[in-house]
Amino acid sequence: MKKYVTILFLAFIVIANAQKIDYNTNKGFVAEGYDVTEYFNNKAIKGNSAYITTHDKVNYKFASEENLEKFRKNPDQYIPQYGGYCAYAVAVTSEKVDINPKTFEIRNGKLYLFYNSWGINTLDKWIKEDAEKLEKKANINWQKIKK
């Protein structure tokens, strides 16, 4: 009996400590270490290793102490949609695709990141192919692939 209680307890600990979603942590950080608060100033700025925090078991970098504190006060406001994976790919192919941290959009107060390499800019496609419609598809697809 004690063995089963121990197993149940350990299972509970693992579940309680698990991330809510799968985040894109390329280079060890969400948004490849770019400051997620600066996107809301319409800037893609690399974070500084002096200003790092962890939220939901993943790391974030910030350009300043002020931005770090802004994030700590309300992290959900700054977390990229779809775990920081390419919003267009989540919508169209239901896949988790890496991003270019300099290619982003703020829409309705939310941060969306996109793949942009080898002549393919998915932000351009996102806008051209009706971002609102694609956002709805991405929201549905993300529920299926987020873990």
N, C-alpha and C. Protein backbone atom coordinates (compact mmCIF):
# COMPACT_ATOMS: atom_id res chain seq x y z
N MET A 1 0.83 -1.19 0.00
CA MET A 1 0.00 0.00 0.00
C MET A 1 0.87 1.26 0.00
N LYS A 2 1.90 1.24 0.82
CA LYS A 2 2.79 2.40 0.91
C LYS A 2 3.43 2.67 -0.46
N LYS A 3 3.75 1.60 -1.19
CA LYS A 3 4.36 1.73 -2.51
C LYS A 3 3.43 2.49 -3.46
N TYR A 4 2.13 2.17 -3.43
CA TYR A 4 1.16 2.84 -4.31
C TYR A 4 0.98 4.30 -3.93
N VAL A 5 0.99 4.59 -2.66
CA VAL A 5 0.87 5.98 -2.21
C VAL A 5 2.08 6.78 -2.68
N THR A 6 3.25 6.18 -2.60
CA THR A 6 4.48 6.85 -3.05
C THR A 6 4.41 7.10 -4.56
N ILE A 7 3.97 6.12 -5.31
CA ILE A 7 3.86 6.28 -6.77
C ILE A 7 2.86 7.37 -7.11
N LEU A 8 1.72 7.37 -6.45
CA LEU A 8 0.72 8.42 -6.69
C LEU A 8 1.27 9.80 -6.34
N PHE A 9 1.98 9.88 -5.23
CA PHE A 9 2.56 11.16 -4.81
C PHE A 9 3.57 11.65 -5.85
N LEU A 10 4.44 10.77 -6.32
CA LEU A 10 5.43 11.15 -7.33
C LEU A 10 4.77 11.56 -8.64
N ALA A 11 3.72 10.86 -9.03
CA ALA A 11 2.98 11.23 -10.25
C ALA A 11 2.37 12.62 -10.09
N PHE A 12 1.83 12.90 -8.93
CA PHE A 12 1.25 14.23 -8.66
C PHE A 12 2.33 15.31 -8.76
N ILE A 13 3.51 15.05 -8.20
CA ILE A 13 4.60 16.02 -8.25
C ILE A 13 5.01 16.30 -9.69
N VAL A 14 5.13 15.26 -10.50
CA VAL A 14 5.50 15.44 -11.91
C VAL A 14 4.45 16.26 -12.63
N ILE A 15 3.19 15.95 -12.43
CA ILE A 15 2.11 16.68 -13.09
C ILE A 15 2.07 18.13 -12.61
N ALA A 16 2.22 18.34 -11.34
CA ALA A 16 2.17 19.69 -10.78
C ALA A 16 3.33 20.55 -11.27
N ASN A 17 4.47 19.93 -11.55
CA ASN A 17 5.64 20.68 -11.97
C ASN A 17 5.80 20.76 -13.49
N ALA A 18 4.92 20.15 -14.23
CA ALA A 18 5.01 20.16 -15.69
C ALA A 18 4.62 21.52 -16.24
N GLN A 19 5.25 21.86 -17.36
CA GLN A 19 4.87 23.09 -18.05
C GLN A 19 3.45 22.95 -18.54
N LYS A 20 2.76 24.06 -18.64
CA LYS A 20 1.40 24.05 -19.15
C LYS A 20 1.39 23.77 -20.66
N ILE A 21 2.41 24.28 -21.35
CA ILE A 21 2.50 24.10 -22.79
C ILE A 21 3.96 23.87 -23.19
N ASP A 22 4.16 23.48 -24.43
CA ASP A 22 5.50 23.35 -24.99
C ASP A 22 5.91 24.71 -25.53
N TYR A 23 6.98 25.25 -25.00
CA TYR A 23 7.47 26.55 -25.46
C TYR A 23 8.62 26.36 -26.43
N ASN A 24 8.73 27.26 -27.37
CA ASN A 24 9.85 27.31 -28.28
C ASN A 24 10.99 28.01 -27.54
N THR A 25 11.96 27.23 -27.10
CA THR A 25 13.08 27.78 -26.34
C THR A 25 14.38 27.62 -27.10
N ASN A 26 14.35 27.92 -28.37
CA ASN A 26 15.55 27.90 -29.18
C ASN A 26 16.55 28.87 -28.55
N LYS A 27 17.80 28.47 -28.47
CA LYS A 27 18.87 29.24 -27.82
C LYS A 27 18.65 29.37 -26.31
N GLY A 28 17.79 28.49 -25.75
CA GLY A 28 17.62 28.44 -24.31
C GLY A 28 16.60 29.41 -23.72
N PHE A 29 15.98 30.22 -24.57
CA PHE A 29 15.05 31.23 -24.10
C PHE A 29 13.83 31.33 -25.02
N VAL A 30 12.72 31.76 -24.48
CA VAL A 30 11.56 32.10 -25.30
C VAL A 30 11.97 33.28 -26.18
N ALA A 31 11.50 33.30 -27.42
CA ALA A 31 11.80 34.34 -28.41
C ALA A 31 13.31 34.47 -28.64
N GLU A 32 14.01 33.35 -28.52
CA GLU A 32 15.46 33.28 -28.74
C GLU A 32 16.22 34.31 -27.92
N GLY A 33 15.67 34.68 -26.77
CA GLY A 33 16.35 35.63 -25.89
C GLY A 33 16.05 37.08 -26.17
N TYR A 34 15.11 37.34 -27.06
CA TYR A 34 14.68 38.73 -27.29
C TYR A 34 13.74 39.14 -26.17
N ASP A 35 13.73 40.42 -25.86
CA ASP A 35 12.93 40.97 -24.77
C ASP A 35 11.46 41.03 -25.20
N VAL A 36 10.64 40.16 -24.61
CA VAL A 36 9.23 40.08 -25.01
C VAL A 36 8.45 41.35 -24.66
N THR A 37 8.90 42.15 -23.71
CA THR A 37 8.18 43.39 -23.39
C THR A 37 8.43 44.45 -24.46
N GLU A 38 9.58 44.43 -25.09
CA GLU A 38 9.91 45.44 -26.11
C GLU A 38 9.09 45.27 -27.39
N TYR A 39 8.63 44.07 -27.65
CA TYR A 39 7.77 43.89 -28.82
C TYR A 39 6.55 44.80 -28.74
N PHE A 40 6.09 45.06 -27.54
CA PHE A 40 4.90 45.90 -27.35
C PHE A 40 5.22 47.38 -27.55
N ASN A 41 6.50 47.70 -27.72
CA ASN A 41 6.94 49.04 -28.13
C ASN A 41 7.30 49.03 -29.61
N ASN A 42 6.90 47.95 -30.30
CA ASN A 42 7.16 47.73 -31.72
C ASN A 42 8.66 47.64 -32.02
N LYS A 43 9.41 47.01 -31.09
CA LYS A 43 10.85 46.84 -31.25
C LYS A 43 11.22 45.39 -30.97
N ALA A 44 12.15 44.87 -31.77
CA ALA A 44 12.73 43.55 -31.51
C ALA A 44 14.13 43.79 -30.97
N ILE A 45 14.30 43.64 -29.66
CA ILE A 45 15.56 43.94 -29.00
C ILE A 45 16.03 42.71 -28.22
N LYS A 46 17.29 42.37 -28.41
CA LYS A 46 17.87 41.24 -27.69
C LYS A 46 17.91 41.54 -26.20
N GLY A 47 17.62 40.51 -25.41
CA GLY A 47 17.73 40.65 -23.97
C GLY A 47 19.18 40.60 -23.52
N ASN A 48 19.40 41.02 -22.30
CA ASN A 48 20.72 41.07 -21.69
C ASN A 48 20.81 39.95 -20.66
N SER A 49 21.93 39.25 -20.63
CA SER A 49 22.10 38.13 -19.70
C SER A 49 22.03 38.56 -18.24
N ALA A 50 22.12 39.84 -17.96
CA ALA A 50 22.01 40.33 -16.59
C ALA A 50 20.56 40.34 -16.10
N TYR A 51 19.60 40.26 -17.04
CA TYR A 51 18.18 40.36 -16.69
C TYR A 51 17.43 39.14 -17.22
N ILE A 52 17.42 38.10 -16.41
CA ILE A 52 16.79 36.83 -16.79
C ILE A 52 15.79 36.43 -15.71
N THR A 53 14.67 35.86 -16.15
CA THR A 53 13.74 35.27 -15.20
C THR A 53 13.18 33.99 -15.80
N THR A 54 12.56 33.20 -14.94
CA THR A 54 11.91 31.96 -15.36
C THR A 54 10.43 32.07 -15.04
N HIS A 55 9.60 31.69 -16.00
CA HIS A 55 8.16 31.65 -15.81
C HIS A 55 7.65 30.39 -16.49
N ASP A 56 6.82 29.63 -15.83
CA ASP A 56 6.28 28.37 -16.34
C ASP A 56 7.42 27.45 -16.82
N LYS A 57 8.51 27.46 -16.07
CA LYS A 57 9.65 26.58 -16.28
C LYS A 57 10.45 26.87 -17.55
N VAL A 58 10.30 28.06 -18.12
CA VAL A 58 11.12 28.47 -19.27
C VAL A 58 11.74 29.84 -18.97
N ASN A 59 12.83 30.12 -19.66
CA ASN A 59 13.60 31.34 -19.41
C ASN A 59 13.27 32.46 -20.39
N TYR A 60 13.35 33.66 -19.85
CA TYR A 60 13.16 34.88 -20.63
C TYR A 60 14.32 35.83 -20.33
N LYS A 61 14.74 36.58 -21.35
CA LYS A 61 15.77 37.61 -21.19
C LYS A 61 15.14 38.98 -21.42
N PHE A 62 15.71 39.99 -20.78
CA PHE A 62 15.18 41.35 -20.91
C PHE A 62 16.31 42.34 -21.13
N ALA A 63 16.00 43.44 -21.77
CA ALA A 63 16.99 44.46 -22.08
C ALA A 63 17.32 45.31 -20.87
N SER A 64 16.43 45.35 -19.88
CA SER A 64 16.65 46.21 -18.71
C SER A 64 15.95 45.64 -17.48
N GLU A 65 16.34 46.13 -16.34
CA GLU A 65 15.69 45.76 -15.08
C GLU A 65 14.23 46.19 -15.10
N GLU A 66 13.96 47.35 -15.67
CA GLU A 66 12.59 47.86 -15.77
C GLU A 66 11.70 46.88 -16.55
N ASN A 67 12.20 46.38 -17.67
CA ASN A 67 11.42 45.44 -18.48
C ASN A 67 11.24 44.11 -17.75
N LEU A 68 12.26 43.67 -17.05
CA LEU A 68 12.15 42.45 -16.25
C LEU A 68 11.04 42.59 -15.21
N GLU A 69 11.01 43.71 -14.53
CA GLU A 69 9.98 43.95 -13.52
C GLU A 69 8.59 44.06 -14.14
N LYS A 70 8.50 44.68 -15.30
CA LYS A 70 7.23 44.76 -16.03
C LYS A 70 6.69 43.36 -16.30
N PHE A 71 7.56 42.49 -16.77
CA PHE A 71 7.18 41.11 -17.06
C PHE A 71 6.75 40.38 -15.78
N ARG A 72 7.52 40.52 -14.73
CA ARG A 72 7.21 39.84 -13.47
C ARG A 72 5.85 40.24 -12.90
N LYS A 73 5.45 41.49 -13.12
CA LYS A 73 4.17 41.97 -12.61
C LYS A 73 2.98 41.36 -13.35
N ASN A 74 3.17 41.06 -14.65
CA ASN A 74 2.07 40.53 -15.44
C ASN A 74 2.61 39.69 -16.60
N PRO A 75 3.19 38.53 -16.31
CA PRO A 75 3.83 37.75 -17.38
C PRO A 75 2.88 37.32 -18.49
N ASP A 76 1.64 37.01 -18.16
CA ASP A 76 0.71 36.53 -19.19
C ASP A 76 0.48 37.57 -20.29
N GLN A 77 0.66 38.82 -19.99
CA GLN A 77 0.48 39.88 -20.99
C GLN A 77 1.55 39.80 -22.08
N TYR A 78 2.73 39.28 -21.74
CA TYR A 78 3.87 39.33 -22.66
C TYR A 78 4.24 38.00 -23.30
N ILE A 79 3.69 36.91 -22.82
CA ILE A 79 4.05 35.60 -23.36
C ILE A 79 3.56 35.49 -24.80
N PRO A 80 4.45 35.09 -25.71
CA PRO A 80 4.03 34.95 -27.11
C PRO A 80 2.95 33.89 -27.28
N GLN A 81 2.08 34.11 -28.22
CA GLN A 81 1.04 33.14 -28.54
C GLN A 81 1.69 31.88 -29.10
N TYR A 82 1.02 30.76 -28.88
CA TYR A 82 1.43 29.46 -29.41
C TYR A 82 2.83 29.07 -28.95
N GLY A 83 3.14 29.43 -27.71
CA GLY A 83 4.41 29.03 -27.11
C GLY A 83 5.63 29.66 -27.75
N GLY A 84 5.41 30.66 -28.58
CA GLY A 84 6.52 31.31 -29.27
C GLY A 84 6.90 30.65 -30.57
N TYR A 85 6.07 29.71 -31.03
CA TYR A 85 6.28 29.11 -32.35
C TYR A 85 5.63 29.99 -33.41
N CYS A 86 5.94 29.73 -34.66
CA CYS A 86 5.41 30.51 -35.78
C CYS A 86 3.89 30.41 -35.83
N ALA A 87 3.23 31.55 -35.69
CA ALA A 87 1.76 31.59 -35.67
C ALA A 87 1.18 31.09 -36.99
N TYR A 88 1.81 31.45 -38.10
CA TYR A 88 1.31 31.04 -39.41
C TYR A 88 1.37 29.51 -39.55
N ALA A 89 2.47 28.91 -39.15
CA ALA A 89 2.62 27.46 -39.26
C ALA A 89 1.62 26.74 -38.37
N VAL A 90 1.38 27.26 -37.17
CA VAL A 90 0.38 26.63 -36.29
C VAL A 90 -0.98 26.67 -36.97
N ALA A 91 -1.30 27.78 -37.62
CA ALA A 91 -2.60 27.92 -38.27
C ALA A 91 -2.74 27.04 -39.50
N VAL A 92 -1.73 27.02 -40.35
CA VAL A 92 -1.85 26.39 -41.66
C VAL A 92 -1.51 24.90 -41.65
N THR A 93 -0.44 24.53 -40.93
CA THR A 93 -0.01 23.13 -40.97
C THR A 93 -0.14 22.43 -39.62
N SER A 94 -0.57 23.16 -38.60
CA SER A 94 -0.71 22.60 -37.25
C SER A 94 0.63 22.04 -36.76
N GLU A 95 1.72 22.75 -37.10
CA GLU A 95 3.06 22.32 -36.72
C GLU A 95 3.76 23.41 -35.92
N LYS A 96 4.70 22.98 -35.09
CA LYS A 96 5.53 23.90 -34.30
C LYS A 96 6.80 24.19 -35.10
N VAL A 97 6.90 25.40 -35.61
CA VAL A 97 8.01 25.81 -36.46
C VAL A 97 8.75 26.95 -35.78
N ASP A 98 10.09 26.93 -35.87
CA ASP A 98 10.91 27.99 -35.29
C ASP A 98 10.58 29.34 -35.93
N ILE A 99 11.06 30.37 -35.27
CA ILE A 99 10.73 31.73 -35.69
C ILE A 99 12.01 32.53 -35.96
N ASN A 100 11.83 33.67 -36.54
CA ASN A 100 12.85 34.71 -36.59
C ASN A 100 12.38 35.75 -35.57
N PRO A 101 13.11 35.96 -34.48
CA PRO A 101 12.61 36.84 -33.43
C PRO A 101 12.42 38.29 -33.85
N LYS A 102 12.92 38.64 -35.03
CA LYS A 102 12.74 40.01 -35.52
C LYS A 102 11.45 40.15 -36.32
N THR A 103 10.74 39.04 -36.55
CA THR A 103 9.52 39.05 -37.34
C THR A 103 8.35 38.78 -36.42
N PHE A 104 7.56 39.80 -36.15
CA PHE A 104 6.51 39.71 -35.14
C PHE A 104 5.35 40.64 -35.48
N GLU A 105 4.27 40.41 -34.77
CA GLU A 105 3.12 41.29 -34.87
C GLU A 105 2.44 41.35 -33.50
N ILE A 106 2.01 42.55 -33.13
CA ILE A 106 1.16 42.71 -31.97
C ILE A 106 -0.25 42.89 -32.52
N ARG A 107 -1.15 42.00 -32.15
CA ARG A 107 -2.54 42.04 -32.63
C ARG A 107 -3.44 41.87 -31.42
N ASN A 108 -4.33 42.84 -31.23
CA ASN A 108 -5.27 42.79 -30.10
C ASN A 108 -4.56 42.56 -28.77
N GLY A 109 -3.41 43.22 -28.60
CA GLY A 109 -2.67 43.14 -27.34
C GLY A 109 -1.93 41.83 -27.12
N LYS A 110 -1.75 41.04 -28.18
CA LYS A 110 -1.04 39.76 -28.05
C LYS A 110 0.14 39.73 -29.02
N LEU A 111 1.18 39.00 -28.61
CA LEU A 111 2.40 38.89 -29.40
C LEU A 111 2.38 37.62 -30.25
N TYR A 112 2.59 37.79 -31.53
CA TYR A 112 2.68 36.68 -32.48
C TYR A 112 4.06 36.73 -33.14
N LEU A 113 4.73 35.59 -33.20
CA LEU A 113 6.04 35.49 -33.81
C LEU A 113 5.94 34.64 -35.07
N PHE A 114 6.91 34.87 -36.01
CA PHE A 114 6.81 34.24 -37.32
C PHE A 114 8.17 33.77 -37.83
N TYR A 115 8.11 32.77 -38.69
CA TYR A 115 9.28 32.28 -39.43
C TYR A 115 9.58 33.28 -40.54
N ASN A 116 10.87 33.56 -40.74
CA ASN A 116 11.26 34.46 -41.83
C ASN A 116 12.68 34.11 -42.23
N SER A 117 12.82 33.30 -43.26
CA SER A 117 14.14 32.88 -43.72
C SER A 117 14.02 32.30 -45.13
N TRP A 118 15.13 32.28 -45.83
CA TRP A 118 15.19 31.68 -47.16
C TRP A 118 14.09 32.22 -48.08
N GLY A 119 13.80 33.50 -47.98
CA GLY A 119 12.81 34.12 -48.85
C GLY A 119 11.37 33.86 -48.47
N ILE A 120 11.15 33.24 -47.33
CA ILE A 120 9.78 32.96 -46.87
C ILE A 120 9.52 33.78 -45.61
N ASN A 121 8.63 34.73 -45.72
CA ASN A 121 8.24 35.56 -44.58
C ASN A 121 6.79 35.22 -44.26
N THR A 122 6.58 34.43 -43.21
CA THR A 122 5.22 34.00 -42.92
C THR A 122 4.36 35.11 -42.32
N LEU A 123 4.97 36.19 -41.82
CA LEU A 123 4.17 37.33 -41.38
C LEU A 123 3.45 37.95 -42.58
N ASP A 124 4.15 38.07 -43.69
CA ASP A 124 3.52 38.59 -44.91
C ASP A 124 2.35 37.70 -45.33
N LYS A 125 2.55 36.38 -45.27
CA LYS A 125 1.48 35.45 -45.63
C LYS A 125 0.32 35.55 -44.65
N TRP A 126 0.63 35.67 -43.37
CA TRP A 126 -0.38 35.82 -42.30
C TRP A 126 -1.30 37.00 -42.61
N ILE A 127 -0.71 38.11 -42.97
CA ILE A 127 -1.49 39.33 -43.26
C ILE A 127 -2.25 39.17 -44.58
N LYS A 128 -1.56 38.69 -45.61
CA LYS A 128 -2.17 38.55 -46.94
C LYS A 128 -3.33 37.55 -46.95
N GLU A 129 -3.21 36.48 -46.16
CA GLU A 129 -4.22 35.41 -46.18
C GLU A 129 -5.28 35.56 -45.10
N ASP A 130 -5.44 36.75 -44.55
CA ASP A 130 -6.47 37.07 -43.56
C ASP A 130 -6.09 36.62 -42.15
N ALA A 131 -5.36 37.49 -41.48
CA ALA A 131 -4.84 37.20 -40.14
C ALA A 131 -5.93 36.80 -39.15
N GLU A 132 -7.07 37.42 -39.21
CA GLU A 132 -8.14 37.08 -38.26
C GLU A 132 -8.61 35.64 -38.45
N LYS A 133 -8.78 35.23 -39.70
CA LYS A 133 -9.20 33.86 -39.99
C LYS A 133 -8.10 32.87 -39.56
N LEU A 134 -6.85 33.21 -39.86
CA LEU A 134 -5.74 32.33 -39.49
C LEU A 134 -5.57 32.25 -37.98
N GLU A 135 -5.80 33.34 -37.29
CA GLU A 135 -5.71 33.34 -35.83
C GLU A 135 -6.72 32.36 -35.23
N LYS A 136 -7.92 32.35 -35.75
CA LYS A 136 -8.94 31.41 -35.26
C LYS A 136 -8.51 29.96 -35.50
N LYS A 137 -7.96 29.69 -36.70
CA LYS A 137 -7.47 28.34 -37.00
C LYS A 137 -6.31 27.96 -36.09
N ALA A 138 -5.41 28.91 -35.86
CA ALA A 138 -4.25 28.65 -35.00
C ALA A 138 -4.69 28.36 -33.57
N ASN A 139 -5.68 29.08 -33.09
CA ASN A 139 -6.18 28.84 -31.73
C ASN A 139 -6.72 27.42 -31.58
N ILE A 140 -7.42 26.95 -32.59
CA ILE A 140 -7.97 25.58 -32.57
C ILE A 140 -6.83 24.57 -32.66
N ASN A 141 -5.93 24.78 -33.61
CA ASN A 141 -4.82 23.84 -33.81
C ASN A 141 -3.91 23.79 -32.58
N TRP A 142 -3.67 24.92 -31.96
CA TRP A 142 -2.78 24.97 -30.81
C TRP A 142 -3.30 24.10 -29.66
N GLN A 143 -4.60 24.03 -29.49
CA GLN A 143 -5.16 23.19 -28.44
C GLN A 143 -4.79 21.72 -28.63
N LYS A 144 -4.59 21.33 -29.88
CA LYS A 144 -4.25 19.93 -30.19
C LYS A 144 -2.75 19.64 -30.05
N ILE A 145 -1.90 20.65 -30.25
CA ILE A 145 -0.45 20.40 -30.32
C ILE A 145 0.36 21.09 -29.22
N LYS A 146 -0.27 21.75 -28.30
CA LYS A 146 0.46 22.60 -27.35
C LYS A 146 1.32 21.86 -26.33
N LYS A 147 1.12 20.58 -26.15
CA LYS A 147 1.92 19.86 -25.14
C LYS A 147 3.03 19.06 -25.75
